[in-house]
Amino acid sequence: MPLTMARIGEPNCIKRITGKDKTRRFLGSLGFVVGENVTVVSEMSGNVILIVKDTRVALDKSMANRIMI
């Protein structure tokens, strides 16, 4: 399921990242890699604030939909 459907405060493991190579490299540079844990801190209109590798990151809905948990 996409990251936008995750429950707030629940840690999830990244299973797959979809999209073009450029998009996957960008997400990888932010710490979104397969096997890494990610936790949703808050959500507003599909846009999310996440904790990945002890860092808070904000993603818009289209980017968050590319991360499968």
PDB file of N, CA and C in Angstrom:
ATOM      1  N   MET A   1       0.849  -1.175   0.000  1.00  0.00           N
ATOM      2  CA  MET A   1       0.000   0.000   0.000  1.00  0.00           C
ATOM      3  C   MET A   1       0.893   1.236   0.000  1.00  0.00           C
ATOM      4  N   PRO A   2       0.431   2.337  -0.554  1.00  0.00           N
ATOM      5  CA  PRO A   2       1.252   3.557  -0.598  1.00  0.00           C
ATOM      6  C   PRO A   2       1.390   4.191   0.781  1.00  0.00           C
ATOM      7  N   LEU A   3       2.437   4.956   0.942  1.00  0.00           N
ATOM      8  CA  LEU A   3       2.748   5.595   2.219  1.00  0.00           C
ATOM      9  C   LEU A   3       1.639   6.543   2.681  1.00  0.00           C
ATOM     10  N   THR A   4       0.886   7.103   1.758  1.00  0.00           N
ATOM     11  CA  THR A   4      -0.187   8.026   2.132  1.00  0.00           C
ATOM     12  C   THR A   4      -1.295   7.343   2.919  1.00  0.00           C
ATOM     13  N   MET A   5      -1.349   6.011   2.894  1.00  0.00           N
ATOM     14  CA  MET A   5      -2.388   5.277   3.617  1.00  0.00           C
ATOM     15  C   MET A   5      -1.907   4.773   4.984  1.00  0.00           C
ATOM     16  N   ALA A   6      -0.682   5.077   5.364  1.00  0.00           N
ATOM     17  CA  ALA A   6      -0.135   4.613   6.641  1.00  0.00           C
ATOM     18  C   ALA A   6      -0.782   5.349   7.803  1.00  0.00           C
ATOM     19  N   ARG A   7      -0.843   4.669   8.940  1.00  0.00           N
ATOM     20  CA  ARG A   7      -1.393   5.285  10.155  1.00  0.00           C
ATOM     21  C   ARG A   7      -0.342   6.169  10.805  1.00  0.00           C
ATOM     22  N   ILE A   8      -0.790   7.231  11.420  1.00  0.00           N
ATOM     23  CA  ILE A   8       0.106   8.174  12.091  1.00  0.00           C
ATOM     24  C   ILE A   8       0.719   7.501  13.316  1.00  0.00           C
ATOM     25  N   GLY A   9       2.047   7.625  13.441  1.00  0.00           N
ATOM     26  CA  GLY A   9       2.760   7.104  14.589  1.00  0.00           C
ATOM     27  C   GLY A   9       3.159   5.644  14.496  1.00  0.00           C
ATOM     28  N   GLU A  10       2.748   4.957  13.459  1.00  0.00           N
ATOM     29  CA  GLU A  10       3.041   3.535  13.308  1.00  0.00           C
ATOM     30  C   GLU A  10       4.258   3.350  12.387  1.00  0.00           C
ATOM     31  N   PRO A  11       5.320   2.696  12.874  1.00  0.00           N
ATOM     32  CA  PRO A  11       6.488   2.480  12.005  1.00  0.00           C
ATOM     33  C   PRO A  11       6.184   1.456  10.918  1.00  0.00           C
ATOM     34  N   ASN A  12       6.650   1.732   9.710  1.00  0.00           N
ATOM     35  CA  ASN A  12       6.434   0.850   8.559  1.00  0.00           C
ATOM     36  C   ASN A  12       7.754   0.648   7.837  1.00  0.00           C
ATOM     37  N   CYS A  13       7.882  -0.478   7.168  1.00  0.00           N
ATOM     38  CA  CYS A  13       9.082  -0.792   6.401  1.00  0.00           C
ATOM     39  C   CYS A  13       8.812  -0.506   4.923  1.00  0.00           C
ATOM     40  N   ILE A  14       9.748   0.154   4.259  1.00  0.00           N
ATOM     41  CA  ILE A  14       9.613   0.454   2.839  1.00  0.00           C
ATOM     42  C   ILE A  14       9.848  -0.829   2.048  1.00  0.00           C
ATOM     43  N   LYS A  15       8.874  -1.219   1.239  1.00  0.00           N
ATOM     44  CA  LYS A  15       8.957  -2.442   0.434  1.00  0.00           C
ATOM     45  C   LYS A  15       9.433  -2.168  -0.988  1.00  0.00           C
ATOM     46  N   ARG A  16       8.998  -1.024  -1.557  1.00  0.00           N
ATOM     47  CA  ARG A  16       9.311  -0.743  -2.956  1.00  0.00           C
ATOM     48  C   ARG A  16       9.158   0.749  -3.202  1.00  0.00           C
ATOM     49  N   ILE A  17       9.936   1.284  -4.134  1.00  0.00           N
ATOM     50  CA  ILE A  17       9.809   2.676  -4.552  1.00  0.00           C
ATOM     51  C   ILE A  17       9.590   2.677  -6.054  1.00  0.00           C
ATOM     52  N   THR A  18       8.499   3.282  -6.493  1.00  0.00           N
ATOM     53  CA  THR A  18       8.153   3.297  -7.913  1.00  0.00           C
ATOM     54  C   THR A  18       8.523   4.643  -8.522  1.00  0.00           C
ATOM     55  N   GLY A  19       8.460   4.719  -9.830  1.00  0.00           N
ATOM     56  CA  GLY A  19       8.740   5.963 -10.530  1.00  0.00           C
ATOM     57  C   GLY A  19       9.982   5.854 -11.386  1.00  0.00           C
ATOM     58  N   LYS A  20      10.337   6.961 -12.027  1.00  0.00           N
ATOM     59  CA  LYS A  20      11.508   7.003 -12.892  1.00  0.00           C
ATOM     60  C   LYS A  20      12.784   6.971 -12.049  1.00  0.00           C
ATOM     61  N   ASP A  21      13.913   6.682 -12.709  1.00  0.00           N
ATOM     62  CA  ASP A  21      15.204   6.619 -12.011  1.00  0.00           C
ATOM     63  C   ASP A  21      15.516   7.914 -11.275  1.00  0.00           C
ATOM     64  N   LYS A  22      15.240   9.041 -11.898  1.00  0.00           N
ATOM     65  CA  LYS A  22      15.525  10.345 -11.285  1.00  0.00           C
ATOM     66  C   LYS A  22      14.743  10.506  -9.974  1.00  0.00           C
ATOM     67  N   THR A  23      13.488  10.093  -9.990  1.00  0.00           N
ATOM     68  CA  THR A  23      12.641  10.191  -8.799  1.00  0.00           C
ATOM     69  C   THR A  23      13.147   9.258  -7.703  1.00  0.00           C
ATOM     70  N   ARG A  24      13.499   8.016  -8.066  1.00  0.00           N
ATOM     71  CA  ARG A  24      13.989   7.056  -7.080  1.00  0.00           C
ATOM     72  C   ARG A  24      15.319   7.506  -6.477  1.00  0.00           C
ATOM     73  N   ARG A  25      16.185   8.102  -7.296  1.00  0.00           N
ATOM     74  CA  ARG A  25      17.462   8.614  -6.756  1.00  0.00           C
ATOM     75  C   ARG A  25      17.227   9.775  -5.798  1.00  0.00           C
ATOM     76  N   PHE A  26      16.276  10.651  -6.139  1.00  0.00           N
ATOM     77  CA  PHE A  26      15.955  11.775  -5.262  1.00  0.00           C
ATOM     78  C   PHE A  26      15.443  11.282  -3.915  1.00  0.00           C
ATOM     79  N   LEU A  27      14.509  10.333  -3.938  1.00  0.00           N
ATOM     80  CA  LEU A  27      13.980   9.782  -2.688  1.00  0.00           C
ATOM     81  C   LEU A  27      15.070   9.043  -1.919  1.00  0.00           C
ATOM     82  N   GLY A  28      15.942   8.342  -2.627  1.00  0.00           N
ATOM     83  CA  GLY A  28      17.055   7.655  -1.977  1.00  0.00           C
ATOM     84  C   GLY A  28      18.001   8.619  -1.288  1.00  0.00           C
ATOM     85  N   SER A  29      18.218   9.793  -1.892  1.00  0.00           N
ATOM     86  CA  SER A  29      19.100  10.785  -1.270  1.00  0.00           C
ATOM     87  C   SER A  29      18.493  11.361   0.006  1.00  0.00           C
ATOM     88  N   LEU A  30      17.168  11.291   0.124  1.00  0.00           N
ATOM     89  CA  LEU A  30      16.492  11.743   1.341  1.00  0.00           C
ATOM     90  C   LEU A  30      16.442  10.654   2.413  1.00  0.00           C
ATOM     91  N   GLY A  31      16.860   9.430   2.047  1.00  0.00           N
ATOM     92  CA  GLY A  31      16.866   8.336   3.012  1.00  0.00           C
ATOM     93  C   GLY A  31      15.804   7.291   2.786  1.00  0.00           C
ATOM     94  N   PHE A  32      14.990   7.453   1.744  1.00  0.00           N
ATOM     95  CA  PHE A  32      13.929   6.493   1.450  1.00  0.00           C
ATOM     96  C   PHE A  32      14.497   5.369   0.592  1.00  0.00           C
ATOM     97  N   VAL A  33      14.936   4.308   1.238  1.00  0.00           N
ATOM     98  CA  VAL A  33      15.487   3.144   0.551  1.00  0.00           C
ATOM     99  C   VAL A  33      14.734   1.903   1.023  1.00  0.00           C
ATOM    100  N   VAL A  34      14.722   0.876   0.184  1.00  0.00           N
ATOM    101  CA  VAL A  34      14.022  -0.372   0.503  1.00  0.00           C
ATOM    102  C   VAL A  34      14.618  -0.978   1.769  1.00  0.00           C
ATOM    103  N   GLY A  35      13.750  -1.367   2.688  1.00  0.00           N
ATOM    104  CA  GLY A  35      14.171  -1.967   3.943  1.00  0.00           C
ATOM    105  C   GLY A  35      14.266  -0.986   5.105  1.00  0.00           C
ATOM    106  N   GLU A  36      14.212   0.298   4.825  1.00  0.00           N
ATOM    107  CA  GLU A  36      14.310   1.322   5.871  1.00  0.00           C
ATOM    108  C   GLU A  36      12.946   1.523   6.532  1.00  0.00           C
ATOM    109  N   ASN A  37      12.945   1.812   7.830  1.00  0.00           N
ATOM    110  CA  ASN A  37      11.703   2.105   8.546  1.00  0.00           C
ATOM    111  C   ASN A  37      11.339   3.566   8.369  1.00  0.00           C
ATOM    112  N   VAL A  38      10.048   3.824   8.241  1.00  0.00           N
ATOM    113  CA  VAL A  38       9.531   5.177   8.089  1.00  0.00           C
ATOM    114  C   VAL A  38       8.267   5.304   8.935  1.00  0.00           C
ATOM    115  N   THR A  39       8.117   6.454   9.595  1.00  0.00           N
ATOM    116  CA  THR A  39       6.968   6.704  10.462  1.00  0.00           C
ATOM    117  C   THR A  39       6.305   8.012  10.049  1.00  0.00           C
ATOM    118  N   VAL A  40       4.990   7.989   9.897  1.00  0.00           N
ATOM    119  CA  VAL A  40       4.231   9.197   9.573  1.00  0.00           C
ATOM    120  C   VAL A  40       3.999   9.985  10.855  1.00  0.00           C
ATOM    121  N   VAL A  41       4.402  11.256  10.862  1.00  0.00           N
ATOM    122  CA  VAL A  41       4.213  12.126  12.028  1.00  0.00           C
ATOM    123  C   VAL A  41       2.882  12.853  11.921  1.00  0.00           C
ATOM    124  N   SER A  42       2.600  13.413  10.741  1.00  0.00           N
ATOM    125  CA  SER A  42       1.316  14.083  10.524  1.00  0.00           C
ATOM    126  C   SER A  42       0.962  14.049   9.049  1.00  0.00           C
ATOM    127  N   GLU A  43      -0.333  14.288   8.775  1.00  0.00           N
ATOM    128  CA  GLU A  43      -0.847  14.237   7.413  1.00  0.00           C
ATOM    129  C   GLU A  43      -1.879  15.337   7.248  1.00  0.00           C
ATOM    130  N   MET A  44      -1.802  16.038   6.103  1.00  0.00           N
ATOM    131  CA  MET A  44      -2.779  17.076   5.817  1.00  0.00           C
ATOM    132  C   MET A  44      -3.033  17.089   4.311  1.00  0.00           C
ATOM    133  N   SER A  45      -4.226  16.765   3.897  1.00  0.00           N
ATOM    134  CA  SER A  45      -4.625  16.723   2.482  1.00  0.00           C
ATOM    135  C   SER A  45      -3.746  15.804   1.649  1.00  0.00           C
ATOM    136  N   GLY A  46      -3.265  14.722   2.243  1.00  0.00           N
ATOM    137  CA  GLY A  46      -2.428  13.776   1.524  1.00  0.00           C
ATOM    138  C   GLY A  46      -0.945  14.054   1.642  1.00  0.00           C
ATOM    139  N   ASN A  47      -0.576  15.292   1.949  1.00  0.00           N
ATOM    140  CA  ASN A  47       0.823  15.636   2.172  1.00  0.00           C
ATOM    141  C   ASN A  47       1.225  15.147   3.554  1.00  0.00           C
ATOM    142  N   VAL A  48       2.456  14.623   3.696  1.00  0.00           N
ATOM    143  CA  VAL A  48       2.845  13.984   4.940  1.00  0.00           C
ATOM    144  C   VAL A  48       4.180  14.504   5.458  1.00  0.00           C
ATOM    145  N   ILE A  49       4.316  14.471   6.775  1.00  0.00           N
ATOM    146  CA  ILE A  49       5.596  14.695   7.436  1.00  0.00           C
ATOM    147  C   ILE A  49       6.006  13.357   8.013  1.00  0.00           C
ATOM    148  N   LEU A  50       7.233  12.940   7.699  1.00  0.00           N
ATOM    149  CA  LEU A  50       7.706  11.603   8.036  1.00  0.00           C
ATOM    150  C   LEU A  50       8.994  11.669   8.833  1.00  0.00           C
ATOM    151  N   ILE A  51       9.261  10.580   9.548  1.00  0.00           N
ATOM    152  CA  ILE A  51      10.571  10.388  10.172  1.00  0.00           C
ATOM    153  C   ILE A  51      11.214   9.204   9.481  1.00  0.00           C
ATOM    154  N   VAL A  52      12.383   9.452   8.881  1.00  0.00           N
ATOM    155  CA  VAL A  52      13.158   8.401   8.243  1.00  0.00           C
ATOM    156  C   VAL A  52      14.619   8.639   8.602  1.00  0.00           C
ATOM    157  N   LYS A  53      15.283   7.611   9.119  1.00  0.00           N
ATOM    158  CA  LYS A  53      16.678   7.702   9.567  1.00  0.00           C
ATOM    159  C   LYS A  53      16.872   8.859  10.557  1.00  0.00           C
ATOM    160  N   ASP A  54      15.966   8.960  11.543  1.00  0.00           N
ATOM    161  CA  ASP A  54      16.022   9.972  12.602  1.00  0.00           C
ATOM    162  C   ASP A  54      15.971  11.403  12.077  1.00  0.00           C
ATOM    163  N   THR A  55      15.376  11.611  10.912  1.00  0.00           N
ATOM    164  CA  THR A  55      15.249  12.940  10.312  1.00  0.00           C
ATOM    165  C   THR A  55      13.808  13.154   9.881  1.00  0.00           C
ATOM    166  N   ARG A  56      13.295  14.354  10.102  1.00  0.00           N
ATOM    167  CA  ARG A  56      11.944  14.682   9.640  1.00  0.00           C
ATOM    168  C   ARG A  56      12.008  15.180   8.204  1.00  0.00           C
ATOM    169  N   VAL A  57      11.108  14.643   7.383  1.00  0.00           N
ATOM    170  CA  VAL A  57      11.049  14.997   5.973  1.00  0.00           C
ATOM    171  C   VAL A  57       9.586  15.228   5.601  1.00  0.00           C
ATOM    172  N   ALA A  58       9.323  16.265   4.815  1.00  0.00           N
ATOM    173  CA  ALA A  58       7.970  16.526   4.320  1.00  0.00           C
ATOM    174  C   ALA A  58       7.909  16.135   2.849  1.00  0.00           C
ATOM    175  N   LEU A  59       6.866  15.402   2.480  1.00  0.00           N
ATOM    176  CA  LEU A  59       6.660  14.999   1.091  1.00  0.00           C
ATOM    177  C   LEU A  59       5.250  15.353   0.655  1.00  0.00           C
ATOM    178  N   ASP A  60       5.123  15.747  -0.603  1.00  0.00           N
ATOM    179  CA  ASP A  60       3.775  15.983  -1.113  1.00  0.00           C
ATOM    180  C   ASP A  60       3.126  14.642  -1.466  1.00  0.00           C
ATOM    181  N   LYS A  61       1.847  14.707  -1.768  1.00  0.00           N
ATOM    182  CA  LYS A  61       1.061  13.494  -1.981  1.00  0.00           C
ATOM    183  C   LYS A  61       1.594  12.651  -3.135  1.00  0.00           C
ATOM    184  N   SER A  62       2.018  13.282  -4.231  1.00  0.00           N
ATOM    185  CA  SER A  62       2.473  12.520  -5.392  1.00  0.00           C
ATOM    186  C   SER A  62       3.764  11.750  -5.091  1.00  0.00           C
ATOM    187  N   MET A  63       4.686  12.344  -4.336  1.00  0.00           N
ATOM    188  CA  MET A  63       5.922  11.645  -3.960  1.00  0.00           C
ATOM    189  C   MET A  63       5.634  10.552  -2.952  1.00  0.00           C
ATOM    190  N   ALA A  64       4.775  10.810  -1.989  1.00  0.00           N
ATOM    191  CA  ALA A  64       4.447   9.810  -0.966  1.00  0.00           C
ATOM    192  C   ALA A  64       3.756   8.600  -1.580  1.00  0.00           C
ATOM    193  N   ASN A  65       3.006   8.801  -2.649  1.00  0.00           N
ATOM    194  CA  ASN A  65       2.325   7.682  -3.319  1.00  0.00           C
ATOM    195  C   ASN A  65       3.296   6.769  -4.042  1.00  0.00           C
ATOM    196  N   ARG A  66       4.516   7.215  -4.299  1.00  0.00           N
ATOM    197  CA  ARG A  66       5.513   6.387  -4.971  1.00  0.00           C
ATOM    198  C   ARG A  66       6.230   5.428  -4.008  1.00  0.00           C
ATOM    199  N   ILE A  67       6.057   5.643  -2.711  1.00  0.00           N
ATOM    200  CA  ILE A  67       6.715   4.802  -1.701  1.00  0.00           C
ATOM    201  C   ILE A  67       5.709   3.779  -1.212  1.00  0.00           C
ATOM    202  N   MET A  68       6.020   2.499  -1.423  1.00  0.00           N
ATOM    203  CA  MET A  68       5.136   1.408  -1.020  1.00  0.00           C
ATOM    204  C   MET A  68       5.636   0.776   0.281  1.00  0.00           C
ATOM    205  N   ILE A  69       4.688   0.580   1.202  1.00  0.00           N
ATOM    206  CA  ILE A  69       5.048  -0.025   2.491  1.00  0.00           C
ATOM    207  C   ILE A  69       4.342  -1.357   2.655  1.00  0.00           C
TER     208      ILE A  69
END
